[in-house]
Protein backbone atom coordinates (compact mmCIF):
# COMPACT_ATOMS: atom_id res chain seq x y z
CA MET A 1 14.42 1.35 -3.65
CA ILE A 2 14.38 3.87 -6.72
CA LYS A 3 15.50 7.42 -6.41
CA ALA A 4 15.87 10.18 -9.13
CA ARG A 5 16.82 13.79 -8.87
CA THR A 6 16.62 16.46 -11.44
CA GLU A 7 16.50 20.31 -11.76
CA PHE A 8 13.84 22.18 -13.68
CA ALA A 9 15.38 25.60 -14.36
CA ASP A 10 12.06 26.70 -16.04
CA VAL A 11 9.47 25.40 -13.47
CA SER A 12 8.56 27.12 -10.19
CA PRO A 13 8.26 25.09 -7.03
CA SER A 14 4.65 25.90 -6.68
CA VAL A 15 3.74 24.73 -10.13
CA ALA A 16 5.59 21.33 -9.62
CA TYR A 17 3.79 21.05 -6.33
CA ASP A 18 0.35 21.81 -7.87
CA VAL A 19 0.99 19.39 -10.71
CA LEU A 20 1.71 16.55 -8.30
CA HIS A 21 -1.45 17.26 -6.34
CA ASP A 22 -4.04 18.05 -9.02
CA PRO A 23 -6.04 14.80 -9.41
CA GLN A 24 -7.81 16.16 -12.53
CA TYR A 25 -4.55 16.96 -14.38
CA ARG A 26 -2.87 13.68 -13.27
CA LEU A 27 -5.36 11.87 -15.43
CA ILE A 28 -3.75 13.60 -18.37
CA TRP A 29 0.00 13.28 -17.72
CA ASP A 30 0.25 10.07 -15.58
CA LYS A 31 0.27 7.31 -18.19
CA TYR A 32 0.91 4.56 -15.66
CA MET A 33 -2.46 5.43 -13.64
CA MET A 34 -5.22 3.10 -14.40
CA GLY A 35 -7.60 4.41 -11.86
CA ALA A 36 -7.79 6.57 -8.63
CA LYS A 37 -10.25 7.40 -6.02
CA ASP A 38 -10.26 9.62 -3.07
CA VAL A 39 -11.25 7.76 0.09
CA GLY A 40 -11.41 10.41 2.67
CA LEU A 41 -9.57 13.05 4.83
CA LEU A 42 -7.66 12.51 7.97
CA ASN A 43 -6.74 16.15 8.61
CA PRO A 44 -6.03 19.19 6.32
CA ASN A 45 -2.55 17.72 5.54
CA ASN A 46 -3.42 13.93 5.27
CA ASP A 47 -5.89 11.97 3.15
CA VAL A 48 -6.41 8.43 2.05
CA CYS A 49 -6.57 7.39 -1.67
CA TYR A 50 -6.73 4.25 -3.83
CA TYR A 51 -4.52 4.21 -6.81
CA ALA A 52 -4.31 1.43 -9.46
CA LEU A 53 -1.10 1.11 -11.62
CA ARG A 54 -1.28 -0.13 -15.16
CA SER A 55 1.00 -2.90 -16.45
CA PHE A 56 1.11 -4.62 -19.73
CA PRO A 57 0.52 -8.25 -20.59
CA PRO A 58 1.24 -10.82 -19.43
CA PHE A 59 1.91 -8.88 -16.00
CA ARG A 60 -0.92 -8.20 -13.59
CA HIS A 61 -1.95 -4.64 -12.66
CA ARG A 62 -0.79 -3.42 -9.12
CA ASP A 63 -2.92 -1.37 -6.81
CA PHE A 64 -2.49 0.45 -3.62
CA VAL A 65 -4.54 2.07 -0.71
CA LEU A 66 -2.29 4.92 0.42
CA GLN A 67 -2.23 7.55 3.14
CA ARG A 68 -0.79 10.84 1.60
CA SER A 69 0.84 13.55 3.63
CA TRP A 70 1.90 16.94 2.48
CA LEU A 71 3.54 20.12 3.61
CA ASP A 72 4.32 23.47 2.04
CA LEU A 73 7.14 25.32 3.68
CA GLY A 74 7.58 27.87 0.81
CA ASP A 75 10.94 27.28 -0.62
CA GLU A 76 10.57 23.51 0.28
CA LYS A 77 7.59 21.36 -0.32
CA LEU A 78 7.03 17.76 0.53
CA ILE A 79 4.65 15.06 -0.54
CA PHE A 80 4.87 11.55 0.88
CA SER A 81 2.94 8.35 0.70
CA HIS A 82 2.75 4.98 2.30
CA SER A 83 0.55 1.95 2.15
CA ILE A 84 -2.41 1.34 4.55
CA CYS A 85 -5.54 -0.81 4.57
CA HIS A 86 -9.24 0.28 4.45
CA ASP A 87 -12.21 -1.83 4.88
CA ASP A 88 -13.97 -0.61 1.65
CA PHE A 89 -10.98 -1.14 -0.50
CA PRO A 90 -9.78 -4.81 -0.32
CA PRO A 91 -7.60 -6.41 -3.07
CA LYS A 92 -9.39 -6.69 -6.47
CA PRO A 93 -9.40 -9.77 -8.51
CA ASN A 94 -7.67 -8.23 -11.53
CA CYS A 95 -4.91 -6.58 -9.47
CA ILE A 96 -2.16 -7.60 -7.17
CA ARG A 97 -2.31 -5.50 -3.96
CA ALA A 98 1.38 -4.01 -3.56
CA THR A 99 2.87 -2.29 -0.73
CA VAL A 100 4.54 1.13 -0.54
CA PHE A 101 6.85 1.48 2.31
CA LEU A 102 7.50 5.12 1.46
CA THR A 103 7.30 7.19 -1.76
CA GLY A 104 7.50 10.78 -2.29
CA TYR A 105 8.59 14.07 -3.70
CA LEU A 106 10.82 16.63 -2.34
CA ILE A 107 10.70 20.03 -4.10
CA ARG A 108 13.17 22.86 -3.40
CA ARG A 109 13.42 26.32 -4.94
CA LEU A 110 16.30 26.79 -7.29
CA GLY A 111 17.25 30.30 -8.15
CA ASP A 112 14.46 32.79 -9.00
CA ASP A 113 12.35 30.64 -11.36
CA GLY A 114 13.40 27.04 -11.00
CA CYS A 115 13.22 23.98 -8.72
CA GLN A 116 14.97 20.92 -7.72
CA VAL A 117 12.85 17.73 -7.55
CA THR A 118 13.81 14.50 -5.79
CA TYR A 119 11.69 11.46 -6.38
CA PHE A 120 12.08 8.31 -4.46
CA THR A 121 10.06 5.05 -3.86
CA HIS A 122 10.53 2.06 -1.74
CA SER A 123 7.96 -0.53 -2.43
CA ASP A 124 7.11 -4.21 -2.85
CA PRO A 125 5.15 -5.02 -6.00
CA LYS A 126 4.27 -8.40 -4.44
CA GLY A 127 4.11 -11.58 -6.64
CA LYS A 128 7.45 -12.75 -8.31
CA LEU A 129 8.82 -10.59 -11.18
CA PRO A 130 11.55 -11.60 -13.64
CA SER A 131 14.94 -9.74 -12.96
CA TRP A 132 14.72 -7.93 -16.46
CA MET A 133 11.33 -6.51 -15.39
CA VAL A 134 12.81 -5.24 -12.04
CA ASN A 135 15.79 -3.59 -13.99
CA ARG A 136 13.30 -1.97 -16.25
CA LEU A 137 11.40 -0.44 -13.33
CA THR A 138 14.59 0.79 -11.91
CA LYS A 139 16.49 2.08 -14.87
CA ILE A 140 13.77 3.30 -17.23
CA VAL A 141 10.43 3.85 -15.36
CA ALA A 142 11.86 6.42 -12.72
CA PRO A 143 13.57 8.59 -15.17
CA LYS A 144 10.45 8.51 -17.49
CA VAL A 145 8.36 9.67 -14.44
CA ILE A 146 10.63 12.83 -14.05
CA LYS A 147 10.67 13.48 -17.77
CA ARG A 148 6.88 13.24 -17.93
CA LEU A 149 6.55 15.34 -14.89
CA HIS A 150 8.68 18.14 -16.45
CA GLN A 151 6.55 18.18 -19.59
CA ALA A 152 3.42 18.26 -17.48
CA CYS A 153 4.69 21.18 -15.29
CA LEU A 154 5.32 23.26 -18.55
CA ALA A 155 1.96 22.71 -19.83
CA TYR A 156 0.15 23.05 -16.51
CA PRO A 157 -0.36 26.85 -16.23
CA ALA A 158 -2.20 27.05 -19.47
CA TRP A 159 -4.35 24.03 -18.77
CA LYS A 160 -5.21 25.15 -15.26
CA SER A 161 -6.24 28.66 -16.48
CA GLN A 162 -9.08 26.74 -18.13
CA HIS A 163 -9.97 24.28 -15.56
CA GLY A 164 -10.75 25.80 -12.18
CA PRO A 165 -7.65 28.09 -11.64
CA ASP A 166 -8.73 28.96 -8.06
CA TRP A 167 -9.49 25.31 -7.19
CA LYS A 168 -6.54 24.07 -5.18
CA PRO A 169 -7.82 22.22 -2.11
CA TRP A 170 -4.32 20.98 -1.12
CA SER A 171 -3.37 24.55 -0.60
CA HIS A 172 -6.83 25.75 0.84
CA PRO A 173 -8.17 22.68 2.67
CA GLU A 174 -10.35 24.46 5.11
CA GLN A 175 -12.18 26.22 2.31
CA GLN A 176 -12.10 23.73 -0.61
CA MET A 177 -11.79 20.15 0.90
CA ASN A 178 -15.06 18.43 0.51
CA MET A 179 -14.06 14.93 1.28
CA SER A 180 -15.67 13.07 4.20
CA ARG A 181 -13.48 12.19 7.32
CA VAL A 182 -11.92 8.74 7.34
CA ARG A 183 -12.89 6.64 10.27
CA VAL A 184 -9.72 5.37 11.81
CA GLU A 185 -11.26 2.03 12.87
CA HIS A 186 -11.78 1.31 8.97
CA CYS A 187 -8.05 1.42 8.53
CA ARG A 188 -6.88 -1.52 10.63
CA ALA A 189 -3.79 -3.32 9.42
CA ARG A 190 -4.47 -6.71 8.07
CA ALA A 191 -2.92 -9.40 6.01
CA TYR A 192 -4.89 -9.99 2.93
CA ASP A 193 -5.36 -13.62 1.78
CA GLN A 194 -4.36 -13.20 -1.79
CA GLU A 195 -2.37 -15.58 -3.98
CA THR A 196 1.38 -15.12 -4.60
CA VAL A 197 1.37 -14.73 -8.46
CA ASP A 198 4.48 -16.14 -9.91
CA GLU A 199 5.38 -13.86 -12.96
CA SER A 200 9.08 -14.67 -12.97
CA GLY A 201 8.55 -17.07 -15.75
CA CYS A 202 7.71 -14.17 -18.17
CA VAL A 203 11.24 -14.05 -19.60
CA ASP A 204 10.44 -14.69 -23.17
CA ALA A 205 11.26 -12.39 -25.95
CA ALA A 206 7.64 -11.55 -26.65
CA SER A 207 7.29 -10.07 -23.09
CA GLN A 208 10.43 -7.88 -23.39
CA LYS A 209 9.44 -6.90 -27.06
CA ALA A 210 6.01 -5.77 -25.67
CA ALA A 211 7.78 -3.60 -23.05
CA GLU A 212 9.92 -1.96 -25.55
CA ALA A 213 7.07 -1.41 -27.95
CA GLU A 214 5.23 0.38 -25.19
CA GLU A 215 8.13 2.59 -24.40
CA GLU A 216 8.54 3.49 -28.14
CA ALA A 217 4.77 4.24 -28.30
CA GLU A 218 5.04 6.50 -25.36
CA GLU A 219 8.02 8.43 -26.58
CA ALA A 220 6.38 8.94 -29.88
CA GLU A 221 3.29 10.29 -28.26
CA GLU A 222 5.49 12.60 -26.23
CA ALA A 223 7.47 13.93 -29.18
């Protein structure tokens, strides 16, 4: 399980909440997202989506089908997800279908203009990963997610003013949600027949160097 908490003194809870919801903006700031697709709506506060997580060679990409739930209580806002199955989104040949037991964000007001953000995820990437890669995910990726989120929040108001400033279906589902309803019978739990990919042998210096090079490139891009 990975957990990170931070305080954004210069970001309001509503901006952080909108950034985490906005699918168009996520294409810009979420460097780990390889692809995403809305599957459908369960009710005004629950939907189903497909999400593909980018990796780097020699590791395989991971993908998920998620049920997302959200609730805006004013000074406290929550977004949670967990894995489900859907008939139209079986595992893809180039990805390993991973499992999210629970992942989410808790956003709380901090003073007049800030917020506290707690991020956590409990998931099974499936396959077999080397210990150095697991440590990297725990110690490096989670803090990077928070750092990138802060930068995205600071840039969001200016970006949103030019990209549908009134379009926020997560806050106005009855008026703006245009997704079709998910048929529950298409979301029956199943055990997919996919091979267990053993990536634990990827312990050579070249693999670790590739990870470090990617981190350096990302930091240079963000600077």
